[in-house]
N, C-alpha and C. Protein backbone atom coordinates (compact mmCIF):
# COMPACT_ATOMS: atom_id res chain seq x y z
N MET A 1 77.88 50.47 105.21
CA MET A 1 77.33 51.80 105.37
C MET A 1 77.25 52.61 104.77
N THR A 2 76.87 53.64 104.12
CA THR A 2 77.27 54.56 104.23
C THR A 2 75.56 55.65 104.79
N THR A 3 76.64 56.79 104.69
CA THR A 3 75.40 57.53 106.27
C THR A 3 74.06 58.36 105.19
N THR A 4 73.05 58.27 105.58
CA THR A 4 71.95 59.64 104.68
C THR A 4 72.70 61.30 105.34
N PRO A 5 73.34 61.73 104.03
CA PRO A 5 73.97 62.89 104.64
C PRO A 5 72.04 64.28 105.14
N ARG A 6 72.90 64.90 106.20
CA ARG A 6 71.57 66.26 107.25
C ARG A 6 71.30 67.05 105.95
N GLN A 7 70.42 67.44 105.94
CA GLN A 7 70.76 69.12 105.56
C GLN A 7 71.17 70.15 105.56
N ALA A 8 71.37 71.13 105.84
CA ALA A 8 71.52 72.12 105.65
C ALA A 8 71.82 72.82 105.30
N ALA A 9 72.30 74.38 105.43
CA ALA A 9 72.33 75.35 105.20
C ALA A 9 73.54 76.33 105.84
N THR A 10 74.12 76.50 104.74
CA THR A 10 75.29 78.02 104.38
C THR A 10 75.20 79.24 104.21
N ALA A 11 75.44 80.45 104.93
CA ALA A 11 75.95 81.74 104.46
C ALA A 11 76.60 82.18 104.29
N ILE A 12 76.82 82.61 102.69
CA ILE A 12 78.43 83.28 102.50
C ILE A 12 78.17 85.00 102.46
N LEU A 13 78.14 85.18 103.36
CA LEU A 13 78.65 87.24 103.58
C LEU A 13 79.32 87.71 102.87
N LEU A 14 78.61 88.54 102.41
CA LEU A 14 80.13 89.58 101.08
C LEU A 14 79.70 90.97 101.20
N ARG A 15 80.90 91.83 101.60
CA ARG A 15 80.53 92.80 101.30
C ARG A 15 82.87 93.94 100.29
N ASP A 16 81.64 94.50 99.72
CA ASP A 16 82.53 95.30 99.60
C ASP A 16 84.42 96.45 100.56
N GLY A 17 84.86 96.03 100.27
CA GLY A 17 85.67 96.43 100.79
C GLY A 17 87.15 97.10 100.04
N ASP A 18 87.94 97.88 100.65
CA ASP A 18 88.54 98.85 99.25
C ASP A 18 89.15 98.03 99.20
N ALA A 19 89.88 97.20 98.83
CA ALA A 19 90.69 96.12 98.06
C ALA A 19 89.33 95.09 97.21
N GLY A 20 88.21 95.47 97.25
CA GLY A 20 87.68 94.08 96.16
C GLY A 20 86.62 93.83 97.40
N LEU A 21 86.45 92.49 96.75
CA LEU A 21 84.93 92.25 97.56
C LEU A 21 85.35 90.89 99.17
N GLU A 22 85.25 91.02 100.06
CA GLU A 22 85.31 90.53 101.14
C GLU A 22 84.58 89.57 101.71
N VAL A 23 84.89 88.12 101.91
CA VAL A 23 83.58 87.51 102.78
C VAL A 23 83.56 86.89 104.05
N LEU A 24 83.27 86.69 104.56
CA LEU A 24 82.69 86.51 106.50
C LEU A 24 83.61 85.47 106.66
N LEU A 25 84.27 84.46 107.26
CA LEU A 25 85.01 83.09 107.57
C LEU A 25 84.46 83.43 109.01
N VAL A 26 84.50 82.74 109.44
CA VAL A 26 84.12 82.36 111.00
C VAL A 26 85.17 81.25 111.42
N GLU A 27 85.42 80.99 112.26
CA GLU A 27 86.73 80.16 112.90
C GLU A 27 85.78 78.66 114.26
N ARG A 28 85.88 77.81 113.47
CA ARG A 28 85.00 76.80 114.86
C ARG A 28 86.42 76.52 115.87
N ASN A 29 85.41 76.20 117.22
CA ASN A 29 85.66 75.90 118.32
C ASN A 29 87.18 74.76 118.45
N PRO A 30 88.52 74.99 118.29
CA PRO A 30 89.14 73.76 117.97
C PRO A 30 89.39 72.95 118.97
N ASP A 31 87.96 72.84 119.57
CA ASP A 31 88.02 71.61 120.93
C ASP A 31 86.68 71.07 119.88
N SER A 32 85.97 71.98 119.10
CA SER A 32 84.67 70.69 118.20
C SER A 32 84.91 69.99 117.45
N ARG A 33 84.50 68.92 117.98
CA ARG A 33 84.99 66.82 117.13
C ARG A 33 85.16 67.47 115.96
N PHE A 34 83.68 67.72 115.02
CA PHE A 34 83.15 68.33 113.79
C PHE A 34 84.65 69.59 113.62
N MET A 35 85.28 69.67 112.59
CA MET A 35 85.97 70.26 112.05
C MET A 35 86.66 71.51 112.81
N GLY A 36 87.24 70.62 114.23
CA GLY A 36 87.58 71.73 115.24
C GLY A 36 89.06 72.85 114.81
N GLY A 37 89.10 73.71 114.99
CA GLY A 37 89.29 75.27 113.75
C GLY A 37 89.39 75.41 112.99
N ALA A 38 89.02 74.77 111.74
CA ALA A 38 88.77 75.04 110.20
C ALA A 38 87.70 76.36 110.57
N TRP A 39 88.40 77.21 109.57
CA TRP A 39 87.92 78.26 109.18
C TRP A 39 87.00 78.39 107.88
N VAL A 40 85.50 78.19 108.48
CA VAL A 40 84.77 77.89 107.61
C VAL A 40 83.29 79.04 107.19
N PHE A 41 82.39 79.03 106.48
CA PHE A 41 81.43 80.20 106.08
C PHE A 41 80.03 79.79 107.62
N PRO A 42 79.63 80.73 107.52
CA PRO A 42 78.81 79.92 108.65
C PRO A 42 77.44 79.28 108.43
N GLY A 43 77.42 78.43 108.71
CA GLY A 43 76.10 77.62 108.55
C GLY A 43 76.20 76.13 109.26
N GLY A 44 75.17 75.10 109.53
CA GLY A 44 75.38 74.15 109.94
C GLY A 44 73.63 73.40 109.27
N ALA A 45 72.84 72.47 110.73
CA ALA A 45 72.10 71.61 110.28
C ALA A 45 70.90 72.52 110.51
N LEU A 46 69.86 71.55 109.21
CA LEU A 46 68.48 72.03 109.68
C LEU A 46 68.10 71.78 111.30
N GLN A 47 67.00 72.43 111.67
CA GLN A 47 66.21 71.87 112.63
C GLN A 47 64.76 72.05 112.49
N GLU A 48 64.69 71.39 113.35
CA GLU A 48 62.78 70.59 113.18
C GLU A 48 62.42 71.82 114.41
N GLY A 49 61.79 71.83 112.68
CA GLY A 49 60.10 73.42 112.10
C GLY A 49 60.51 74.00 111.10
N GLU A 50 62.04 74.18 111.36
CA GLU A 50 62.12 75.43 109.95
C GLU A 50 61.19 75.06 108.90
N ALA A 51 61.33 75.78 108.37
CA ALA A 51 60.88 76.19 106.90
C ALA A 51 61.64 75.40 105.72
N GLY A 52 62.72 76.23 106.00
CA GLY A 52 63.88 75.64 104.63
C GLY A 52 64.90 76.03 105.10
N HIS A 53 66.20 75.56 103.64
CA HIS A 53 67.26 76.01 103.76
C HIS A 53 67.71 77.49 104.71
N ALA A 54 66.58 78.33 103.50
CA ALA A 54 66.79 80.88 103.72
C ALA A 54 66.68 80.81 105.09
N GLU A 55 65.59 79.43 105.80
CA GLU A 55 65.40 80.62 106.88
C GLU A 55 66.90 79.36 107.92
N ALA A 56 67.59 78.41 107.81
CA ALA A 56 68.59 77.41 108.45
C ALA A 56 69.52 78.74 108.47
N ALA A 57 69.78 78.69 107.67
CA ALA A 57 70.98 79.55 107.39
C ALA A 57 71.14 80.84 107.76
N LEU A 58 69.41 81.81 107.91
CA LEU A 58 69.74 82.72 108.61
C LEU A 58 70.20 82.41 110.35
N ARG A 59 69.15 82.18 111.05
CA ARG A 59 70.01 81.64 112.16
C ARG A 59 71.08 81.05 112.54
N GLU A 60 71.82 80.19 111.40
CA GLU A 60 72.93 80.00 112.05
C GLU A 60 74.04 81.40 111.71
N LEU A 61 73.62 82.38 110.69
CA LEU A 61 74.63 83.44 110.52
C LEU A 61 74.29 84.36 111.76
N HIS A 62 73.52 84.35 112.70
CA HIS A 62 72.86 85.10 113.96
C HIS A 62 73.60 84.37 114.73
N GLU A 63 73.57 82.80 115.22
CA GLU A 63 73.91 82.19 116.29
C GLU A 63 75.65 82.46 116.45
N GLU A 64 76.59 82.06 114.46
CA GLU A 64 77.39 82.16 114.75
C GLU A 64 78.20 83.25 114.80
N ALA A 65 78.01 84.12 114.02
CA ALA A 65 78.41 85.70 113.34
C ALA A 65 77.34 87.40 114.48
N GLY A 66 76.77 86.68 114.54
CA GLY A 66 76.09 87.76 115.35
C GLY A 66 75.00 88.68 114.12
N ILE A 67 75.06 88.66 113.21
CA ILE A 67 74.23 89.48 112.50
C ILE A 67 73.78 88.41 111.91
N ARG A 68 72.46 90.06 111.90
CA ARG A 68 71.01 89.24 111.14
C ARG A 68 70.62 89.93 109.62
N LEU A 69 70.17 88.99 108.74
CA LEU A 69 69.77 89.42 107.84
C LEU A 69 68.04 90.00 107.92
N ALA A 70 67.80 90.88 107.17
CA ALA A 70 66.33 91.42 107.36
C ALA A 70 65.32 89.59 106.95
N SER A 71 65.12 89.28 105.87
CA SER A 71 64.80 88.49 106.03
C SER A 71 65.40 87.54 104.90
N ALA A 72 64.57 85.79 104.49
CA ALA A 72 65.16 85.04 103.36
C ALA A 72 65.32 85.92 101.81
N ASP A 73 64.24 86.43 101.89
CA ASP A 73 64.73 87.01 100.09
C ASP A 73 65.82 87.74 99.94
N ARG A 74 66.97 88.23 101.17
CA ARG A 74 68.24 88.43 100.52
C ARG A 74 69.22 87.73 100.31
N LEU A 75 68.71 86.18 100.30
CA LEU A 75 69.95 85.07 100.83
C LEU A 75 69.38 84.02 98.78
N THR A 76 70.43 84.81 98.31
CA THR A 76 70.52 83.62 96.68
C THR A 76 71.09 82.40 96.48
N PRO A 77 70.68 81.25 96.15
CA PRO A 77 70.82 80.49 95.96
C PRO A 77 72.10 80.50 95.40
N PHE A 78 74.17 79.55 95.84
CA PHE A 78 74.80 79.72 95.00
C PHE A 78 74.95 78.52 94.42
N SER A 79 74.81 77.32 95.47
CA SER A 79 75.90 75.87 95.36
C SER A 79 75.26 75.07 96.23
N ARG A 80 75.22 73.43 96.29
CA ARG A 80 74.17 72.77 97.04
C ARG A 80 75.77 71.51 96.77
N TRP A 81 75.97 71.39 97.66
CA TRP A 81 77.82 70.11 98.33
C TRP A 81 76.72 69.47 99.08
N ILE A 82 77.27 67.27 98.61
CA ILE A 82 76.91 66.70 98.95
C ILE A 82 77.97 65.48 99.67
N THR A 83 78.31 66.07 100.86
CA THR A 83 79.31 65.24 101.74
C THR A 83 79.82 63.81 100.61
N PRO A 84 80.85 63.46 100.16
CA PRO A 84 81.21 62.77 99.88
C PRO A 84 80.24 61.02 100.49
N ALA A 85 80.46 60.21 99.57
CA ALA A 85 80.09 59.15 100.33
C ALA A 85 80.78 57.68 101.71
N GLU A 86 81.76 58.34 100.89
CA GLU A 86 82.40 57.29 101.96
C GLU A 86 83.32 57.85 103.77
N VAL A 87 82.51 59.39 103.45
CA VAL A 87 83.13 60.20 105.03
C VAL A 87 81.61 59.94 105.82
N LYS A 88 81.86 59.40 106.62
CA LYS A 88 80.86 59.06 107.92
C LYS A 88 79.75 59.98 108.16
N THR A 89 80.58 61.73 108.57
CA THR A 89 79.07 61.98 109.10
C THR A 89 79.13 63.57 106.77
N ARG A 90 77.91 64.07 106.95
CA ARG A 90 77.62 64.00 106.08
C ARG A 90 76.02 64.83 105.69
N PHE A 91 76.80 66.18 104.83
CA PHE A 91 75.80 66.69 104.97
C PHE A 91 75.03 67.03 103.42
N ASP A 92 74.19 67.51 103.16
CA ASP A 92 73.99 68.27 101.76
C ASP A 92 73.18 68.92 102.32
N THR A 93 73.74 70.24 101.66
CA THR A 93 74.15 71.83 102.33
C THR A 93 73.37 72.51 100.68
N VAL A 94 73.10 73.60 101.14
CA VAL A 94 72.77 74.58 100.46
C VAL A 94 73.53 76.22 100.13
N PHE A 95 74.54 76.17 99.46
CA PHE A 95 75.24 77.22 100.25
C PHE A 95 74.53 79.08 99.26
N PHE A 96 74.14 79.91 100.05
CA PHE A 96 73.64 81.36 99.95
C PHE A 96 74.53 81.80 99.78
N VAL A 97 74.70 83.07 99.07
CA VAL A 97 75.47 84.29 99.12
C VAL A 97 74.20 85.71 99.52
N ALA A 98 74.35 86.64 100.13
CA ALA A 98 73.98 87.68 100.13
C ALA A 98 74.65 89.17 101.00
N ALA A 99 74.51 89.58 100.66
CA ALA A 99 75.54 90.82 100.93
C ALA A 99 74.77 91.40 102.52
N SER A 100 76.03 91.87 103.15
CA SER A 100 76.18 92.64 104.13
C SER A 100 75.29 93.30 104.52
N PRO A 101 74.33 94.03 106.02
CA PRO A 101 73.91 95.52 105.54
C PRO A 101 74.93 95.97 106.11
N ALA A 102 74.73 97.46 106.23
CA ALA A 102 75.74 98.21 105.77
C ALA A 102 75.67 97.75 107.49
N GLY A 103 77.30 98.27 107.69
CA GLY A 103 77.91 98.69 109.40
C GLY A 103 77.80 97.19 110.51
N ALA A 104 77.59 95.93 110.11
CA ALA A 104 77.33 94.87 110.45
C ALA A 104 78.70 94.72 111.16
N GLU A 105 78.18 94.25 112.12
CA GLU A 105 79.18 93.89 112.69
C GLU A 105 79.75 92.47 113.50
N THR A 106 80.91 92.28 113.65
CA THR A 106 80.94 90.40 114.27
C THR A 106 80.49 90.56 115.42
N ARG A 107 79.78 88.97 115.99
CA ARG A 107 80.00 89.21 117.25
C ARG A 107 79.40 87.75 117.56
N VAL A 108 81.50 86.44 117.85
CA VAL A 108 81.10 84.79 117.52
C VAL A 108 80.73 85.20 119.31
N ASP A 109 79.56 84.01 119.71
CA ASP A 109 79.92 83.32 120.58
C ASP A 109 80.65 82.58 121.84
N GLY A 110 81.61 82.21 120.88
CA GLY A 110 82.67 82.13 121.49
C GLY A 110 83.04 80.48 122.76
N ALA A 111 81.45 80.12 122.00
CA ALA A 111 81.78 78.29 122.23
C ALA A 111 81.93 77.43 120.54
N GLU A 112 80.54 78.19 119.76
CA GLU A 112 80.13 77.08 118.15
C GLU A 112 82.06 77.46 118.12
N CYS A 113 81.71 78.93 117.73
CA CYS A 113 82.61 79.75 117.25
C CYS A 113 83.75 80.71 117.55
N VAL A 114 84.81 80.62 117.31
CA VAL A 114 86.14 81.14 118.59
C VAL A 114 86.47 82.50 117.68
N ASP A 115 85.84 82.99 116.48
CA ASP A 115 87.00 84.06 116.08
C ASP A 115 85.85 84.44 114.10
N ALA A 116 85.78 85.24 114.27
CA ALA A 116 85.39 85.94 112.66
C ALA A 116 86.43 87.06 112.52
N ARG A 117 86.58 86.75 111.03
CA ARG A 117 87.02 88.56 109.80
C ARG A 117 86.30 88.81 108.79
N TRP A 118 86.85 89.55 108.53
CA TRP A 118 86.29 89.41 106.93
C TRP A 118 87.71 89.81 105.97
N ILE A 119 88.24 88.83 105.05
CA ILE A 119 89.00 88.47 103.70
C ILE A 119 88.57 88.41 102.67
N ARG A 120 89.52 89.42 102.23
CA ARG A 120 89.43 88.91 100.77
C ARG A 120 89.61 86.90 99.89
N PRO A 121 89.03 86.54 99.62
CA PRO A 121 88.65 85.03 98.97
C PRO A 121 90.02 85.04 98.24
N ALA A 122 90.74 85.18 97.90
CA ALA A 122 92.72 84.91 97.33
C ALA A 122 93.40 84.99 98.83
N ASP A 123 93.32 86.08 99.49
CA ASP A 123 93.88 86.39 100.82
C ASP A 123 93.60 85.08 101.62
N ALA A 124 92.16 84.87 102.05
CA ALA A 124 91.66 83.04 102.49
C ALA A 124 92.54 82.22 101.48
N LEU A 125 92.77 82.24 100.42
CA LEU A 125 92.91 80.94 99.50
C LEU A 125 95.10 81.36 100.12
N GLU A 126 95.48 82.30 100.74
CA GLU A 126 96.91 82.50 100.69
C GLU A 126 97.36 82.29 101.81
N ALA A 127 96.35 82.14 102.97
CA ALA A 127 96.56 82.36 103.99
C ALA A 127 96.72 80.45 104.46
N GLY A 128 95.86 80.29 103.75
CA GLY A 128 95.75 78.58 103.48
C GLY A 128 96.78 78.14 103.55
N ARG A 129 96.81 78.24 102.06
CA ARG A 129 98.52 78.09 102.19
C ARG A 129 99.42 78.15 102.71
N ARG A 130 99.88 79.12 103.05
CA ARG A 130 100.76 79.74 104.44
C ARG A 130 100.74 78.82 105.39
N GLY A 131 99.44 78.16 105.66
CA GLY A 131 98.58 77.58 106.80
C GLY A 131 98.61 78.74 108.17
N GLU A 132 98.55 79.46 107.80
CA GLU A 132 97.38 80.64 108.01
C GLU A 132 96.33 80.31 109.06
N LEU A 133 95.32 80.09 108.08
CA LEU A 133 94.12 79.42 107.99
C LEU A 133 93.83 77.70 107.55
N MET A 134 93.27 77.41 108.67
CA MET A 134 92.93 75.57 107.88
C MET A 134 91.73 75.34 107.45
N LEU A 135 91.07 75.63 105.75
CA LEU A 135 90.67 75.49 105.51
C LEU A 135 90.00 73.78 104.66
N VAL A 136 88.85 73.86 105.18
CA VAL A 136 88.44 72.58 104.38
C VAL A 136 87.75 72.75 102.24
N PHE A 137 88.74 71.85 102.17
CA PHE A 137 87.96 71.59 100.72
C PHE A 137 86.86 72.23 100.37
N PRO A 138 85.08 71.50 100.92
CA PRO A 138 84.51 72.96 100.19
C PRO A 138 84.58 74.29 100.24
N THR A 139 84.46 75.25 101.59
CA THR A 139 85.63 76.02 101.44
C THR A 139 86.45 76.91 100.96
N ILE A 140 87.60 76.17 100.57
CA ILE A 140 88.68 75.96 99.38
C ILE A 140 87.77 76.49 98.50
N LYS A 141 87.35 75.42 97.58
CA LYS A 141 86.16 75.56 95.87
C LYS A 141 84.76 76.78 95.85
N HIS A 142 84.32 77.44 97.03
CA HIS A 142 83.92 78.58 97.06
C HIS A 142 84.72 79.58 96.54
N LEU A 143 86.20 79.57 97.48
CA LEU A 143 86.15 80.67 97.78
C LEU A 143 87.71 81.06 96.10
N GLU A 144 87.68 79.52 95.68
CA GLU A 144 88.01 80.21 94.27
C GLU A 144 87.19 80.42 93.89
N GLU A 145 86.17 80.15 93.23
CA GLU A 145 84.77 80.91 93.12
C GLU A 145 84.80 82.00 92.82
N LEU A 146 84.76 82.57 94.00
CA LEU A 146 84.71 83.91 94.12
C LEU A 146 85.05 85.37 94.43
N ALA A 147 86.78 84.18 93.99
CA ALA A 147 87.71 85.18 94.10
C ALA A 147 88.20 85.99 91.86
N GLY A 148 87.06 85.60 91.71
CA GLY A 148 86.76 85.93 89.73
C GLY A 148 85.30 86.73 90.11
N PHE A 149 85.02 87.21 91.20
CA PHE A 149 83.88 88.17 91.09
C PHE A 149 85.26 89.46 91.58
N GLU A 150 84.88 91.30 91.79
CA GLU A 150 84.91 91.62 92.27
C GLU A 150 84.29 92.64 92.74
N SER A 151 82.79 92.40 92.78
CA SER A 151 82.75 92.99 94.10
C SER A 151 80.62 91.98 93.86
N VAL A 152 80.35 92.28 95.29
CA VAL A 152 78.64 91.54 95.90
C VAL A 152 77.92 91.63 94.54
N ASP A 153 77.52 93.00 94.08
CA ASP A 153 76.68 92.97 92.90
C ASP A 153 77.21 91.78 92.25
N GLU A 154 78.69 91.85 91.92
CA GLU A 154 78.96 90.63 90.44
C GLU A 154 78.37 89.41 91.13
N ALA A 155 78.71 88.84 92.37
CA ALA A 155 78.54 87.80 92.46
C ALA A 155 76.83 87.58 92.37
N VAL A 156 76.73 88.37 93.11
CA VAL A 156 74.58 87.98 93.71
C VAL A 156 74.41 87.80 92.37
N GLU A 157 75.03 88.52 90.95
CA GLU A 157 73.46 88.45 90.40
C GLU A 157 74.74 87.58 89.00
N ALA A 158 75.53 87.32 89.67
CA ALA A 158 75.94 85.28 88.69
C ALA A 158 75.10 84.38 89.82
N ALA A 159 75.16 84.53 90.35
CA ALA A 159 74.26 83.53 91.63
C ALA A 159 72.70 83.58 91.10
N ARG A 160 72.37 84.64 91.09
CA ARG A 160 70.66 84.13 90.41
C ARG A 160 71.03 83.55 88.99
N GLY A 161 71.79 83.90 87.97
CA GLY A 161 71.69 82.90 86.91
C GLY A 161 72.97 81.76 86.74
N ARG A 162 72.62 81.57 88.09
CA ARG A 162 72.99 80.11 87.93
C ARG A 162 72.15 79.47 88.16
N SER A 163 72.02 77.66 87.28
CA SER A 163 71.75 76.33 88.31
C SER A 163 72.06 75.37 89.07
N VAL A 164 71.73 76.10 89.93
CA VAL A 164 72.38 75.30 91.49
C VAL A 164 71.65 74.17 91.27
N GLU A 165 72.93 72.94 90.63
CA GLU A 165 73.17 71.68 90.76
C GLU A 165 73.93 70.40 92.36
N PRO A 166 73.51 69.38 92.60
CA PRO A 166 73.83 68.41 93.67
C PRO A 166 75.56 68.41 93.47
N ILE A 167 76.24 68.96 94.09
CA ILE A 167 78.21 68.13 93.66
C ILE A 167 77.89 67.88 94.50
N GLU A 168 78.86 66.53 94.32
CA GLU A 168 79.08 65.23 95.40
C GLU A 168 80.96 65.14 94.63
N PRO A 169 81.58 65.41 95.62
CA PRO A 169 82.84 65.00 95.69
C PRO A 169 83.42 63.29 96.24
N ARG A 170 83.94 62.86 95.51
CA ARG A 170 84.14 61.28 96.14
C ARG A 170 86.11 61.88 96.70
N VAL A 171 86.02 60.32 97.70
CA VAL A 171 87.95 60.40 98.24
C VAL A 171 87.66 59.41 97.80
N VAL A 172 89.25 59.50 96.62
CA VAL A 172 89.91 58.33 96.58
C VAL A 172 90.99 58.44 96.63
N ALA A 173 91.86 56.58 96.47
CA ALA A 173 92.84 56.46 97.23
C ALA A 173 94.27 56.77 95.59
N ASP A 174 94.78 56.68 95.91
CA ASP A 174 95.52 56.42 94.81
C ASP A 174 97.62 56.72 96.02
N ALA A 175 98.22 56.83 95.21
CA ALA A 175 99.85 56.32 95.81
C ALA A 175 100.06 56.76 96.44
N ASP A 176 99.69 58.39 96.33
CA ASP A 176 99.05 59.71 97.00
C ASP A 176 98.92 59.80 98.45
N GLY A 177 98.22 58.30 98.83
CA GLY A 177 97.36 58.58 99.35
C GLY A 177 96.17 58.92 99.10
N PRO A 178 94.59 59.00 100.08
CA PRO A 178 93.50 59.84 100.15
C PRO A 178 93.04 60.91 99.02
N ARG A 179 92.15 61.33 98.49
CA ARG A 179 91.93 62.76 97.92
C ARG A 179 90.82 62.64 97.68
N VAL A 180 90.08 64.42 97.71
CA VAL A 180 89.06 65.00 96.77
C VAL A 180 89.34 65.45 95.77
N VAL A 181 87.53 64.37 95.33
CA VAL A 181 87.88 64.84 93.40
C VAL A 181 86.70 65.79 92.77
N LEU A 182 86.97 66.19 91.97
CA LEU A 182 84.78 66.63 91.93
C LEU A 182 84.35 66.27 91.04
N PRO A 183 83.07 65.68 90.20
CA PRO A 183 82.72 65.14 88.87
C PRO A 183 83.56 65.92 87.99
N GLY A 184 83.82 64.27 86.85
CA GLY A 184 84.85 65.45 85.69
C GLY A 184 86.06 65.22 85.90
N ASP A 185 86.79 65.00 87.55
CA ASP A 185 88.56 65.27 86.93
C ASP A 185 88.86 63.37 87.19
N PRO A 186 89.71 63.82 86.90
CA PRO A 186 90.93 62.15 86.49
C PRO A 186 90.37 61.15 87.80
N GLY A 187 89.93 60.13 87.56
CA GLY A 187 89.53 59.03 89.19
C GLY A 187 88.55 59.56 89.63
N TYR A 188 87.53 60.10 89.48
CA TYR A 188 85.91 60.40 89.58
C TYR A 188 85.19 59.25 89.37
N ASP A 189 84.97 59.22 87.86
CA ASP A 189 84.31 58.38 87.45
C ASP A 189 84.91 56.39 88.30
N ASP A 190 86.25 56.27 88.52
CA ASP A 190 86.56 55.24 88.39
C ASP A 190 85.98 54.53 89.72
N GLU A 191 86.12 52.68 89.42
CA GLU A 191 84.66 51.69 91.10
C GLU A 191 85.74 51.73 92.00
N GLN A 192 85.06 51.79 92.99
CA GLN A 192 85.54 52.13 94.65
C GLN A 192 86.16 50.60 94.81
N GLY A 193 87.08 50.82 95.37
CA GLY A 193 87.49 48.66 95.93
C GLY A 193 86.72 49.32 96.97
């Protein structure tokens, strides 16, 4: 039986560093049952009474990284990802990009998140390949896309000009075991048995 995904929101905070565009990643508590030890963008499920995804993204950014944005209009929708139907814990997540406030300092709560760092997307991907950062599929895919931008302005402008359509990866099994594929990838449209 397929689980109905919970509505969720994620804030991809950006800043211009000395060597180019940097993103904020937080490390989830290794003891957490869900994605423990993974380095992710601040985010989580919508809570009762929240007006929408942007409000949830603002709250999560403050709770997980200690950074406040002035208002929801600082957030620009970037993508929408739905956890594969084959996974039990599912989310329908809107990812937003936003410029970091000048001089913002991260502060993790030590419970849900235990560390935070600013890092260039390409450096985060390389650290993931080396096993220094545990990265999950949606984070990797967003980092790959963000690595193509030179600055915060360029990334935010690109987000403003795009149509955000839902992306629902699938888990397929082949000779090498299960793997995650995106729409358009080989095997995505194969019948699941």
